Amino acid sequence: MVALSKPFWTYTLPLLKEQFADREDLQAVTPEQYYNAFNRVEPGFIRIEADEVTYPMHVILRYEIEKALVEGDIEVADVPALWNAKMKEYLGLEVTEDRIGCLQDTHWAVGLIGYFPTYTLGSIYAVQIFATAKEAIPNLDEHLAKGEFPVLKEWLNKNIHEQGSLKESGDDLIFGLTGKHLDSSLYVKYLTDKYTAIYDL
C-alpha cells in the first residue's frame, strides 16, 4: 500500500536521483512517471512478479486447481494441462514449459495446500487497514511524501501488531479496528479507482 503509492515515490525518487547522479535517464524522470511505471499492469507467467491487478488471477487459478485435486475431480497428472488452459483463459498467456507454469511454486511440493488464498486475503485486509489509517492519521499522504514512515508504523504497532494475538481471528481484528467485517468490495474499489486514474480509463 505504501511502496506502490504516489507519496512514496515523491519521497524516494529524489533519493534515487542523488544516489545515481550519473544516470541522465533517471534524472529526467518525474515522480508521476515512476509511480506509473511501478504500477504498470501486464499479465505475466510468474506469480511473485505479478502486478497487483493480475496477481489475484494467479491465486484464483491455483485455488481452483487445488480444490479440484482435493475433491478428486482431477488427478495430479492433469495439473499441467489444466494450468495451461487456465493461464490462457485468465491471463491470455500460452505456457510453453512447466517451470514457468505449474512447477514455479514450492507450496504444493512441500504440502502447503489451500495456502494461496491467504495472499489475496492479505491484500484485501491491507486496503481496509490502510483506509482506516488514512482516516485516523491526519495528512498521512503528506507524512509519507516526506519520508515520515514512523507515523504509520507507530499506528500499525498500536492498532494491529499489539492487538493481533489478542483476537480470536483476523475478522475480529479487522472488525475491532474498522467497525466492519472484511470487505472485498473495498479492495475492488481501490484497484478500480487507482488504475482508472493511472490508465485514464
N, C-alpha and C. Protein backbone atom coordinates (compact mmCIF):
# COMPACT_ATOMS: atom_id res chain seq x y z
N MET A 1 0.83 -1.20 0.00
CA MET A 1 0.00 0.00 0.00
C MET A 1 0.87 1.26 0.00
N VAL A 2 2.00 1.20 0.67
CA VAL A 2 2.87 2.37 0.76
C VAL A 2 3.81 2.44 -0.44
N ALA A 3 4.54 1.37 -0.69
CA ALA A 3 5.61 1.43 -1.70
C ALA A 3 5.09 1.54 -3.13
N LEU A 4 3.81 1.31 -3.35
CA LEU A 4 3.24 1.48 -4.69
C LEU A 4 2.43 2.77 -4.79
N SER A 5 2.59 3.64 -3.80
CA SER A 5 1.78 4.87 -3.76
C SER A 5 2.55 6.07 -4.32
N LYS A 6 1.81 7.10 -4.71
CA LYS A 6 2.42 8.35 -5.19
C LYS A 6 3.26 9.03 -4.11
N PRO A 7 2.77 9.12 -2.88
CA PRO A 7 3.59 9.78 -1.87
C PRO A 7 4.95 9.10 -1.68
N PHE A 8 4.98 7.79 -1.73
CA PHE A 8 6.24 7.07 -1.55
C PHE A 8 7.24 7.47 -2.63
N TRP A 9 6.79 7.55 -3.88
CA TRP A 9 7.72 7.88 -4.96
C TRP A 9 8.05 9.36 -4.99
N THR A 10 7.18 10.20 -4.44
CA THR A 10 7.51 11.61 -4.28
C THR A 10 8.73 11.75 -3.36
N TYR A 11 8.75 10.93 -2.31
CA TYR A 11 9.87 10.95 -1.36
C TYR A 11 11.10 10.22 -1.89
N THR A 12 10.90 9.06 -2.49
CA THR A 12 12.01 8.17 -2.83
C THR A 12 12.76 8.56 -4.09
N LEU A 13 12.06 9.06 -5.09
CA LEU A 13 12.73 9.35 -6.36
C LEU A 13 13.89 10.33 -6.21
N PRO A 14 13.76 11.42 -5.46
CA PRO A 14 14.92 12.30 -5.30
C PRO A 14 16.12 11.59 -4.67
N LEU A 15 15.87 10.65 -3.77
CA LEU A 15 16.96 9.89 -3.16
C LEU A 15 17.66 9.02 -4.20
N LEU A 16 16.87 8.40 -5.07
CA LEU A 16 17.45 7.60 -6.15
C LEU A 16 18.27 8.46 -7.09
N LYS A 17 17.74 9.62 -7.42
CA LYS A 17 18.46 10.53 -8.32
C LYS A 17 19.79 10.96 -7.70
N GLU A 18 19.78 11.16 -6.40
CA GLU A 18 21.02 11.54 -5.72
C GLU A 18 22.04 10.41 -5.74
N GLN A 19 21.58 9.20 -5.52
CA GLN A 19 22.49 8.04 -5.49
C GLN A 19 23.00 7.68 -6.88
N PHE A 20 22.21 7.96 -7.89
CA PHE A 20 22.58 7.60 -9.27
C PHE A 20 22.64 8.87 -10.12
N ALA A 21 23.45 9.81 -9.67
CA ALA A 21 23.55 11.11 -10.32
C ALA A 21 24.06 11.02 -11.75
N ASP A 22 24.80 9.96 -12.06
CA ASP A 22 25.37 9.81 -13.41
C ASP A 22 24.36 9.24 -14.40
N ARG A 23 23.18 8.86 -13.95
CA ARG A 23 22.15 8.31 -14.84
C ARG A 23 21.26 9.44 -15.35
N GLU A 24 21.58 9.93 -16.55
CA GLU A 24 20.81 11.05 -17.10
C GLU A 24 19.36 10.67 -17.36
N ASP A 25 19.13 9.41 -17.75
CA ASP A 25 17.76 8.98 -18.00
C ASP A 25 16.92 9.03 -16.72
N LEU A 26 17.53 8.69 -15.59
CA LEU A 26 16.83 8.74 -14.31
C LEU A 26 16.57 10.18 -13.88
N GLN A 27 17.51 11.06 -14.13
CA GLN A 27 17.38 12.46 -13.71
C GLN A 27 16.16 13.13 -14.36
N ALA A 28 15.79 12.67 -15.53
CA ALA A 28 14.67 13.28 -16.27
C ALA A 28 13.31 12.75 -15.85
N VAL A 29 13.28 11.69 -15.06
CA VAL A 29 12.03 11.04 -14.68
C VAL A 29 11.32 11.84 -13.59
N THR A 30 9.99 11.96 -13.71
CA THR A 30 9.19 12.62 -12.69
C THR A 30 8.62 11.58 -11.72
N PRO A 31 8.24 12.00 -10.51
CA PRO A 31 7.60 11.05 -9.59
C PRO A 31 6.36 10.39 -10.20
N GLU A 32 5.60 11.16 -10.97
CA GLU A 32 4.40 10.61 -11.62
C GLU A 32 4.77 9.48 -12.59
N GLN A 33 5.82 9.69 -13.37
CA GLN A 33 6.27 8.67 -14.32
C GLN A 33 6.76 7.42 -13.59
N TYR A 34 7.48 7.61 -12.49
CA TYR A 34 7.99 6.47 -11.73
C TYR A 34 6.83 5.70 -11.10
N TYR A 35 5.89 6.44 -10.56
CA TYR A 35 4.69 5.84 -9.96
C TYR A 35 3.94 5.01 -11.01
N ASN A 36 3.74 5.57 -12.18
CA ASN A 36 3.05 4.85 -13.25
C ASN A 36 3.82 3.61 -13.68
N ALA A 37 5.15 3.72 -13.76
CA ALA A 37 5.97 2.57 -14.17
C ALA A 37 5.88 1.44 -13.16
N PHE A 38 5.89 1.77 -11.88
CA PHE A 38 5.82 0.74 -10.84
C PHE A 38 4.43 0.14 -10.71
N ASN A 39 3.45 0.79 -11.29
CA ASN A 39 2.07 0.31 -11.22
C ASN A 39 1.55 -0.12 -12.60
N ARG A 40 2.47 -0.48 -13.47
CA ARG A 40 2.07 -0.95 -14.80
C ARG A 40 1.39 -2.32 -14.69
N VAL A 41 0.31 -2.49 -15.41
CA VAL A 41 -0.42 -3.76 -15.42
C VAL A 41 -0.05 -4.51 -16.69
N GLU A 42 0.49 -5.70 -16.51
CA GLU A 42 0.87 -6.53 -17.65
C GLU A 42 0.86 -8.00 -17.23
N PRO A 43 -0.01 -8.81 -17.81
CA PRO A 43 -0.05 -10.22 -17.44
C PRO A 43 1.31 -10.89 -17.63
N GLY A 44 1.67 -11.72 -16.68
CA GLY A 44 2.93 -12.45 -16.75
C GLY A 44 2.76 -13.86 -16.24
N PHE A 45 3.75 -14.69 -16.49
CA PHE A 45 3.68 -16.09 -16.10
C PHE A 45 3.95 -16.31 -14.61
N ILE A 46 4.80 -15.49 -14.02
CA ILE A 46 5.31 -15.75 -12.67
C ILE A 46 4.52 -14.97 -11.62
N ARG A 47 3.93 -15.71 -10.69
CA ARG A 47 3.07 -15.10 -9.67
C ARG A 47 3.80 -14.03 -8.87
N ILE A 48 4.99 -14.34 -8.38
CA ILE A 48 5.67 -13.40 -7.48
C ILE A 48 6.15 -12.14 -8.20
N GLU A 49 6.07 -12.11 -9.51
CA GLU A 49 6.43 -10.93 -10.28
C GLU A 49 5.20 -10.17 -10.79
N ALA A 50 4.02 -10.65 -10.43
CA ALA A 50 2.78 -10.09 -10.97
C ALA A 50 2.45 -8.74 -10.34
N ASP A 51 1.79 -7.88 -11.11
CA ASP A 51 1.29 -6.61 -10.60
C ASP A 51 0.07 -6.87 -9.72
N GLU A 52 -0.37 -5.83 -9.00
CA GLU A 52 -1.45 -6.05 -8.03
C GLU A 52 -2.82 -6.26 -8.66
N VAL A 53 -2.95 -5.99 -9.96
CA VAL A 53 -4.23 -6.24 -10.64
C VAL A 53 -4.32 -7.70 -11.09
N THR A 54 -3.25 -8.21 -11.70
CA THR A 54 -3.30 -9.58 -12.22
C THR A 54 -2.94 -10.63 -11.17
N TYR A 55 -2.30 -10.22 -10.09
CA TYR A 55 -1.89 -11.18 -9.06
C TYR A 55 -3.06 -12.05 -8.56
N PRO A 56 -4.21 -11.47 -8.26
CA PRO A 56 -5.31 -12.32 -7.78
C PRO A 56 -5.71 -13.43 -8.76
N MET A 57 -5.50 -13.20 -10.06
CA MET A 57 -5.84 -14.25 -11.03
C MET A 57 -4.91 -15.45 -10.87
N HIS A 58 -3.66 -15.20 -10.52
CA HIS A 58 -2.73 -16.30 -10.23
C HIS A 58 -3.22 -17.10 -9.04
N VAL A 59 -3.72 -16.40 -8.04
CA VAL A 59 -4.21 -17.07 -6.83
C VAL A 59 -5.48 -17.87 -7.14
N ILE A 60 -6.39 -17.28 -7.89
CA ILE A 60 -7.63 -17.97 -8.25
C ILE A 60 -7.33 -19.24 -9.04
N LEU A 61 -6.44 -19.13 -10.00
CA LEU A 61 -6.04 -20.30 -10.80
C LEU A 61 -5.56 -21.43 -9.90
N ARG A 62 -4.67 -21.12 -8.97
CA ARG A 62 -4.12 -22.14 -8.07
C ARG A 62 -5.18 -22.71 -7.15
N TYR A 63 -6.04 -21.84 -6.63
CA TYR A 63 -7.10 -22.30 -5.74
C TYR A 63 -8.04 -23.27 -6.46
N GLU A 64 -8.42 -22.95 -7.67
CA GLU A 64 -9.34 -23.82 -8.41
C GLU A 64 -8.70 -25.19 -8.68
N ILE A 65 -7.42 -25.19 -8.98
CA ILE A 65 -6.74 -26.47 -9.22
C ILE A 65 -6.63 -27.26 -7.92
N GLU A 66 -6.26 -26.59 -6.84
CA GLU A 66 -6.17 -27.26 -5.53
C GLU A 66 -7.52 -27.88 -5.15
N LYS A 67 -8.56 -27.11 -5.30
CA LYS A 67 -9.91 -27.59 -4.93
C LYS A 67 -10.27 -28.83 -5.74
N ALA A 68 -9.99 -28.79 -7.04
CA ALA A 68 -10.30 -29.94 -7.89
C ALA A 68 -9.48 -31.16 -7.49
N LEU A 69 -8.22 -30.96 -7.10
CA LEU A 69 -7.38 -32.07 -6.64
C LEU A 69 -7.92 -32.68 -5.35
N VAL A 70 -8.22 -31.81 -4.38
CA VAL A 70 -8.68 -32.27 -3.07
C VAL A 70 -10.02 -33.00 -3.18
N GLU A 71 -10.88 -32.50 -4.06
CA GLU A 71 -12.20 -33.12 -4.21
C GLU A 71 -12.18 -34.33 -5.12
N GLY A 72 -11.02 -34.63 -5.69
CA GLY A 72 -10.90 -35.82 -6.54
C GLY A 72 -11.44 -35.65 -7.94
N ASP A 73 -11.67 -34.42 -8.36
CA ASP A 73 -12.18 -34.17 -9.71
C ASP A 73 -11.11 -34.29 -10.78
N ILE A 74 -9.85 -34.12 -10.38
CA ILE A 74 -8.73 -34.28 -11.31
C ILE A 74 -7.62 -35.07 -10.63
N GLU A 75 -6.70 -35.57 -11.43
CA GLU A 75 -5.51 -36.26 -10.92
C GLU A 75 -4.32 -35.32 -11.03
N VAL A 76 -3.25 -35.64 -10.32
CA VAL A 76 -2.03 -34.83 -10.38
C VAL A 76 -1.54 -34.71 -11.82
N ALA A 77 -1.65 -35.77 -12.58
CA ALA A 77 -1.20 -35.75 -13.98
C ALA A 77 -1.97 -34.76 -14.84
N ASP A 78 -3.16 -34.36 -14.37
CA ASP A 78 -3.98 -33.40 -15.13
C ASP A 78 -3.56 -31.95 -14.91
N VAL A 79 -2.75 -31.71 -13.88
CA VAL A 79 -2.44 -30.34 -13.46
C VAL A 79 -1.78 -29.51 -14.56
N PRO A 80 -0.73 -29.98 -15.23
CA PRO A 80 -0.09 -29.11 -16.24
C PRO A 80 -1.05 -28.62 -17.33
N ALA A 81 -1.84 -29.52 -17.89
CA ALA A 81 -2.75 -29.12 -18.97
C ALA A 81 -3.83 -28.17 -18.45
N LEU A 82 -4.34 -28.45 -17.25
CA LEU A 82 -5.37 -27.58 -16.67
C LEU A 82 -4.79 -26.20 -16.35
N TRP A 83 -3.59 -26.21 -15.80
CA TRP A 83 -2.90 -24.95 -15.50
C TRP A 83 -2.76 -24.11 -16.77
N ASN A 84 -2.25 -24.74 -17.81
CA ASN A 84 -2.02 -24.02 -19.06
C ASN A 84 -3.32 -23.46 -19.64
N ALA A 85 -4.38 -24.23 -19.55
CA ALA A 85 -5.68 -23.77 -20.06
C ALA A 85 -6.19 -22.57 -19.27
N LYS A 86 -6.02 -22.62 -17.95
CA LYS A 86 -6.47 -21.51 -17.11
C LYS A 86 -5.61 -20.27 -17.32
N MET A 87 -4.31 -20.42 -17.52
CA MET A 87 -3.45 -19.27 -17.80
C MET A 87 -3.88 -18.59 -19.10
N LYS A 88 -4.25 -19.38 -20.07
CA LYS A 88 -4.72 -18.84 -21.34
C LYS A 88 -6.04 -18.10 -21.14
N GLU A 89 -6.96 -18.74 -20.39
CA GLU A 89 -8.28 -18.15 -20.18
C GLU A 89 -8.23 -16.89 -19.32
N TYR A 90 -7.47 -16.92 -18.22
CA TYR A 90 -7.47 -15.82 -17.26
C TYR A 90 -6.51 -14.69 -17.60
N LEU A 91 -5.35 -15.04 -18.17
CA LEU A 91 -4.32 -14.03 -18.40
C LEU A 91 -3.90 -13.91 -19.87
N GLY A 92 -4.47 -14.75 -20.72
CA GLY A 92 -4.17 -14.67 -22.14
C GLY A 92 -2.78 -15.11 -22.51
N LEU A 93 -2.18 -15.97 -21.69
CA LEU A 93 -0.80 -16.40 -21.90
C LEU A 93 -0.70 -17.87 -22.27
N GLU A 94 0.18 -18.17 -23.20
CA GLU A 94 0.46 -19.55 -23.61
C GLU A 94 1.67 -20.06 -22.83
N VAL A 95 1.48 -21.02 -21.96
CA VAL A 95 2.58 -21.58 -21.18
C VAL A 95 3.33 -22.58 -22.05
N THR A 96 4.63 -22.36 -22.18
CA THR A 96 5.44 -23.21 -23.06
C THR A 96 6.24 -24.26 -22.30
N GLU A 97 6.40 -24.08 -20.99
CA GLU A 97 7.13 -25.07 -20.20
C GLU A 97 6.67 -24.99 -18.75
N ASP A 98 6.68 -26.14 -18.08
CA ASP A 98 6.13 -26.22 -16.73
C ASP A 98 6.90 -25.41 -15.69
N ARG A 99 8.18 -25.11 -15.95
CA ARG A 99 8.93 -24.32 -14.96
C ARG A 99 8.37 -22.90 -14.82
N ILE A 100 7.71 -22.39 -15.84
CA ILE A 100 7.04 -21.09 -15.72
C ILE A 100 5.53 -21.29 -15.58
N GLY A 101 5.15 -22.53 -15.42
CA GLY A 101 3.75 -22.89 -15.23
C GLY A 101 3.55 -23.51 -13.86
N CYS A 102 3.06 -24.73 -13.84
CA CYS A 102 2.64 -25.37 -12.59
C CYS A 102 3.78 -25.74 -11.65
N LEU A 103 5.03 -25.68 -12.10
CA LEU A 103 6.15 -26.03 -11.22
C LEU A 103 6.87 -24.81 -10.63
N GLN A 104 6.33 -23.63 -10.82
CA GLN A 104 7.04 -22.42 -10.37
C GLN A 104 7.00 -22.18 -8.88
N ASP A 105 6.01 -22.72 -8.18
CA ASP A 105 5.89 -22.50 -6.73
C ASP A 105 6.35 -23.74 -5.97
N THR A 106 6.83 -23.52 -4.75
CA THR A 106 7.25 -24.65 -3.91
C THR A 106 6.10 -25.17 -3.04
N HIS A 107 5.02 -24.44 -2.95
CA HIS A 107 3.96 -24.74 -1.99
C HIS A 107 3.45 -26.18 -2.08
N TRP A 108 3.06 -26.59 -3.27
CA TRP A 108 2.47 -27.93 -3.40
C TRP A 108 3.50 -29.01 -3.11
N ALA A 109 4.74 -28.79 -3.51
CA ALA A 109 5.78 -29.79 -3.32
C ALA A 109 6.04 -30.07 -1.84
N VAL A 110 5.82 -29.06 -0.98
CA VAL A 110 6.05 -29.25 0.45
C VAL A 110 4.74 -29.43 1.22
N GLY A 111 3.64 -29.62 0.50
CA GLY A 111 2.37 -29.95 1.14
C GLY A 111 1.54 -28.76 1.61
N LEU A 112 1.84 -27.56 1.12
CA LEU A 112 1.06 -26.38 1.51
C LEU A 112 -0.14 -26.23 0.58
N ILE A 113 -1.18 -26.97 0.89
CA ILE A 113 -2.40 -26.96 0.08
C ILE A 113 -3.41 -26.02 0.74
N GLY A 114 -4.05 -25.20 -0.07
CA GLY A 114 -5.04 -24.27 0.45
C GLY A 114 -4.44 -22.99 1.00
N TYR A 115 -3.17 -22.76 0.73
CA TYR A 115 -2.43 -21.62 1.27
C TYR A 115 -2.54 -20.38 0.40
N PHE A 116 -2.64 -20.54 -0.90
CA PHE A 116 -2.57 -19.40 -1.82
C PHE A 116 -3.62 -18.31 -1.56
N PRO A 117 -4.85 -18.64 -1.19
CA PRO A 117 -5.82 -17.56 -0.96
C PRO A 117 -5.40 -16.56 0.11
N THR A 118 -4.50 -16.98 1.02
CA THR A 118 -4.08 -16.05 2.07
C THR A 118 -3.37 -14.83 1.49
N TYR A 119 -2.75 -14.98 0.32
CA TYR A 119 -2.07 -13.83 -0.29
C TYR A 119 -3.08 -12.75 -0.70
N THR A 120 -4.15 -13.16 -1.32
CA THR A 120 -5.16 -12.18 -1.72
C THR A 120 -5.92 -11.67 -0.51
N LEU A 121 -6.17 -12.54 0.46
CA LEU A 121 -6.80 -12.07 1.70
C LEU A 121 -5.95 -10.98 2.35
N GLY A 122 -4.63 -11.15 2.32
CA GLY A 122 -3.74 -10.15 2.88
C GLY A 122 -3.90 -8.81 2.18
N SER A 123 -4.06 -8.84 0.87
CA SER A 123 -4.25 -7.59 0.11
C SER A 123 -5.58 -6.94 0.46
N ILE A 124 -6.61 -7.76 0.64
CA ILE A 124 -7.92 -7.22 0.99
C ILE A 124 -7.86 -6.58 2.38
N TYR A 125 -7.22 -7.28 3.33
CA TYR A 125 -7.02 -6.70 4.66
C TYR A 125 -6.24 -5.39 4.58
N ALA A 126 -5.17 -5.38 3.78
CA ALA A 126 -4.30 -4.21 3.69
C ALA A 126 -5.05 -2.97 3.23
N VAL A 127 -5.91 -3.14 2.24
CA VAL A 127 -6.69 -2.00 1.74
C VAL A 127 -7.59 -1.44 2.83
N GLN A 128 -8.25 -2.33 3.55
CA GLN A 128 -9.18 -1.89 4.59
C GLN A 128 -8.43 -1.24 5.75
N ILE A 129 -7.29 -1.81 6.12
CA ILE A 129 -6.48 -1.25 7.21
C ILE A 129 -5.90 0.11 6.80
N PHE A 130 -5.39 0.20 5.57
CA PHE A 130 -4.78 1.45 5.12
C PHE A 130 -5.81 2.56 5.03
N ALA A 131 -7.02 2.23 4.58
CA ALA A 131 -8.09 3.23 4.52
C ALA A 131 -8.40 3.75 5.92
N THR A 132 -8.39 2.86 6.90
CA THR A 132 -8.65 3.26 8.29
C THR A 132 -7.51 4.10 8.83
N ALA A 133 -6.29 3.75 8.47
CA ALA A 133 -5.13 4.53 8.89
C ALA A 133 -5.22 5.95 8.33
N LYS A 134 -5.65 6.07 7.08
CA LYS A 134 -5.77 7.40 6.47
C LYS A 134 -6.83 8.25 7.18
N GLU A 135 -7.87 7.60 7.67
CA GLU A 135 -8.90 8.32 8.43
C GLU A 135 -8.36 8.75 9.80
N ALA A 136 -7.52 7.89 10.40
CA ALA A 136 -7.05 8.12 11.76
C ALA A 136 -5.85 9.07 11.84
N ILE A 137 -5.05 9.11 10.78
CA ILE A 137 -3.83 9.92 10.78
C ILE A 137 -4.02 11.10 9.84
N PRO A 138 -4.17 12.29 10.39
CA PRO A 138 -4.33 13.46 9.52
C PRO A 138 -3.15 13.60 8.56
N ASN A 139 -3.45 13.85 7.30
CA ASN A 139 -2.42 14.10 6.29
C ASN A 139 -1.40 12.96 6.16
N LEU A 140 -1.87 11.73 6.22
CA LEU A 140 -0.94 10.60 6.12
C LEU A 140 -0.14 10.65 4.83
N ASP A 141 -0.78 10.96 3.73
CA ASP A 141 -0.05 11.02 2.45
C ASP A 141 1.09 12.05 2.50
N GLU A 142 0.85 13.16 3.17
CA GLU A 142 1.89 14.18 3.29
C GLU A 142 3.07 13.67 4.13
N HIS A 143 2.76 12.94 5.19
CA HIS A 143 3.83 12.33 6.00
C HIS A 143 4.66 11.37 5.15
N LEU A 144 3.99 10.52 4.38
CA LEU A 144 4.70 9.55 3.56
C LEU A 144 5.54 10.23 2.49
N ALA A 145 5.01 11.31 1.91
CA ALA A 145 5.75 12.06 0.88
C ALA A 145 7.01 12.72 1.44
N LYS A 146 7.06 12.89 2.76
CA LYS A 146 8.25 13.46 3.41
C LYS A 146 9.15 12.37 4.00
N GLY A 147 8.76 11.12 3.81
CA GLY A 147 9.56 10.02 4.37
C GLY A 147 9.35 9.83 5.85
N GLU A 148 8.26 10.34 6.37
CA GLU A 148 7.95 10.21 7.80
C GLU A 148 7.15 8.92 8.04
N PHE A 149 7.80 7.80 7.77
CA PHE A 149 7.14 6.49 7.84
C PHE A 149 6.82 6.05 9.28
N PRO A 150 7.60 6.49 10.29
CA PRO A 150 7.24 6.08 11.65
C PRO A 150 5.83 6.47 12.08
N VAL A 151 5.27 7.51 11.47
CA VAL A 151 3.90 7.91 11.81
C VAL A 151 2.94 6.75 11.55
N LEU A 152 3.08 6.10 10.39
CA LEU A 152 2.23 4.95 10.06
C LEU A 152 2.64 3.73 10.86
N LYS A 153 3.93 3.51 11.01
CA LYS A 153 4.41 2.33 11.74
C LYS A 153 3.91 2.32 13.18
N GLU A 154 3.97 3.47 13.83
CA GLU A 154 3.51 3.55 15.22
C GLU A 154 2.01 3.26 15.32
N TRP A 155 1.25 3.77 14.35
CA TRP A 155 -0.19 3.49 14.33
C TRP A 155 -0.44 1.99 14.13
N LEU A 156 0.30 1.38 13.20
CA LEU A 156 0.16 -0.06 12.96
C LEU A 156 0.57 -0.86 14.19
N ASN A 157 1.67 -0.45 14.85
CA ASN A 157 2.10 -1.14 16.07
C ASN A 157 0.97 -1.17 17.10
N LYS A 158 0.37 -0.01 17.31
CA LYS A 158 -0.67 0.11 18.34
C LYS A 158 -1.95 -0.62 17.96
N ASN A 159 -2.36 -0.49 16.70
CA ASN A 159 -3.69 -0.97 16.30
C ASN A 159 -3.71 -2.36 15.66
N ILE A 160 -2.58 -2.82 15.16
CA ILE A 160 -2.53 -4.13 14.52
C ILE A 160 -1.57 -5.07 15.25
N HIS A 161 -0.29 -4.69 15.30
CA HIS A 161 0.74 -5.60 15.82
C HIS A 161 0.54 -5.96 17.29
N GLU A 162 0.17 -4.98 18.10
CA GLU A 162 -0.03 -5.25 19.53
C GLU A 162 -1.37 -5.95 19.80
N GLN A 163 -2.29 -5.90 18.86
CA GLN A 163 -3.62 -6.45 19.05
C GLN A 163 -3.79 -7.85 18.45
N GLY A 164 -2.98 -8.17 17.43
CA GLY A 164 -3.19 -9.37 16.64
C GLY A 164 -3.41 -10.64 17.42
N SER A 165 -2.51 -10.99 18.32
CA SER A 165 -2.61 -12.25 19.06
C SER A 165 -3.67 -12.23 20.15
N LEU A 166 -4.20 -11.06 20.43
CA LEU A 166 -5.24 -10.95 21.46
C LEU A 166 -6.63 -11.23 20.90
N LYS A 167 -6.72 -11.34 19.59
CA LYS A 167 -8.01 -11.56 18.94
C LYS A 167 -8.16 -13.02 18.55
N GLU A 168 -9.40 -13.46 18.48
CA GLU A 168 -9.68 -14.84 18.11
C GLU A 168 -9.41 -15.11 16.63
N SER A 169 -9.60 -14.08 15.81
CA SER A 169 -9.45 -14.27 14.36
C SER A 169 -9.09 -12.95 13.69
N GLY A 170 -8.69 -13.06 12.44
CA GLY A 170 -8.45 -11.86 11.65
C GLY A 170 -9.71 -11.03 11.50
N ASP A 171 -10.85 -11.70 11.42
CA ASP A 171 -12.10 -10.96 11.29
C ASP A 171 -12.39 -10.15 12.56
N ASP A 172 -12.09 -10.73 13.73
CA ASP A 172 -12.27 -9.98 14.98
C ASP A 172 -11.36 -8.75 15.00
N LEU A 173 -10.13 -8.93 14.52
CA LEU A 173 -9.18 -7.82 14.50
C LEU A 173 -9.66 -6.71 13.57
N ILE A 174 -10.07 -7.08 12.36
CA ILE A 174 -10.48 -6.06 11.38
C ILE A 174 -11.78 -5.39 11.80
N PHE A 175 -12.68 -6.15 12.41
CA PHE A 175 -13.94 -5.56 12.88
C PHE A 175 -13.69 -4.59 14.03
N GLY A 176 -12.81 -4.99 14.94
CA GLY A 176 -12.49 -4.12 16.06
C GLY A 176 -11.82 -2.83 15.61
N LEU A 177 -11.03 -2.91 14.55
CA LEU A 177 -10.31 -1.74 14.05
C LEU A 177 -11.18 -0.83 13.18
N THR A 178 -11.97 -1.46 12.29
CA THR A 178 -12.69 -0.67 11.28
C THR A 178 -14.20 -0.58 11.51
N GLY A 179 -14.72 -1.41 12.39
CA GLY A 179 -16.17 -1.43 12.60
C GLY A 179 -16.90 -2.20 11.51
N LYS A 180 -16.14 -2.87 10.63
CA LYS A 180 -16.71 -3.66 9.55
C LYS A 180 -15.99 -5.00 9.46
N HIS A 181 -16.72 -5.99 8.99
CA HIS A 181 -16.07 -7.26 8.67
C HIS A 181 -15.23 -7.07 7.42
N LEU A 182 -14.37 -8.03 7.13
CA LEU A 182 -13.53 -7.94 5.93
C LEU A 182 -14.43 -7.72 4.72
N ASP A 183 -14.11 -6.70 3.93
CA ASP A 183 -14.99 -6.28 2.85
C ASP A 183 -14.20 -6.23 1.54
N SER A 184 -14.39 -7.23 0.70
CA SER A 184 -13.65 -7.30 -0.56
C SER A 184 -14.05 -6.20 -1.53
N SER A 185 -15.23 -5.60 -1.34
CA SER A 185 -15.65 -4.53 -2.25
C SER A 185 -14.72 -3.31 -2.12
N LEU A 186 -14.13 -3.11 -0.94
CA LEU A 186 -13.18 -2.01 -0.76
C LEU A 186 -11.92 -2.25 -1.58
N TYR A 187 -11.51 -3.50 -1.66
CA TYR A 187 -10.34 -3.89 -2.44
C TYR A 187 -10.59 -3.66 -3.93
N VAL A 188 -11.77 -4.07 -4.40
CA VAL A 188 -12.13 -3.87 -5.80
C VAL A 188 -12.20 -2.38 -6.12
N LYS A 189 -12.77 -1.60 -5.20
CA LYS A 189 -12.85 -0.15 -5.41
C LYS A 189 -11.46 0.47 -5.46
N TYR A 190 -10.59 0.04 -4.56
CA TYR A 190 -9.21 0.55 -4.55
C TYR A 190 -8.54 0.31 -5.89
N LEU A 191 -8.61 -0.93 -6.39
CA LEU A 191 -7.98 -1.25 -7.68
C LEU A 191 -8.63 -0.47 -8.82
N THR A 192 -9.95 -0.40 -8.81
CA THR A 192 -10.67 0.30 -9.87
C THR A 192 -10.31 1.78 -9.89
N ASP A 193 -10.36 2.42 -8.75
CA ASP A 193 -10.06 3.86 -8.68
C ASP A 193 -8.61 4.14 -9.06
N LYS A 194 -7.70 3.36 -8.51
CA LYS A 194 -6.28 3.60 -8.75
C LYS A 194 -5.93 3.44 -10.23
N TYR A 195 -6.35 2.34 -10.82
CA TYR A 195 -5.93 2.05 -12.18
C TYR A 195 -6.78 2.77 -13.23
N THR A 196 -7.97 3.22 -12.86
CA THR A 196 -8.72 4.11 -13.74
C THR A 196 -7.98 5.42 -13.91
N ALA A 197 -7.42 5.91 -12.80
CA ALA A 197 -6.65 7.17 -12.84
C ALA A 197 -5.34 6.98 -13.61
N ILE A 198 -4.63 5.90 -13.35
CA ILE A 198 -3.33 5.67 -14.00
C ILE A 198 -3.49 5.52 -15.51
N TYR A 199 -4.50 4.77 -15.92
CA TYR A 199 -4.67 4.47 -17.34
C TYR A 199 -5.70 5.37 -18.02
N ASP A 200 -6.20 6.35 -17.27
CA ASP A 200 -7.16 7.30 -17.81
C ASP A 200 -8.33 6.58 -18.49
N LEU A 201 -8.91 5.66 -17.77
CA LEU A 201 -9.99 4.81 -18.31
C LEU A 201 -11.34 5.51 -18.23
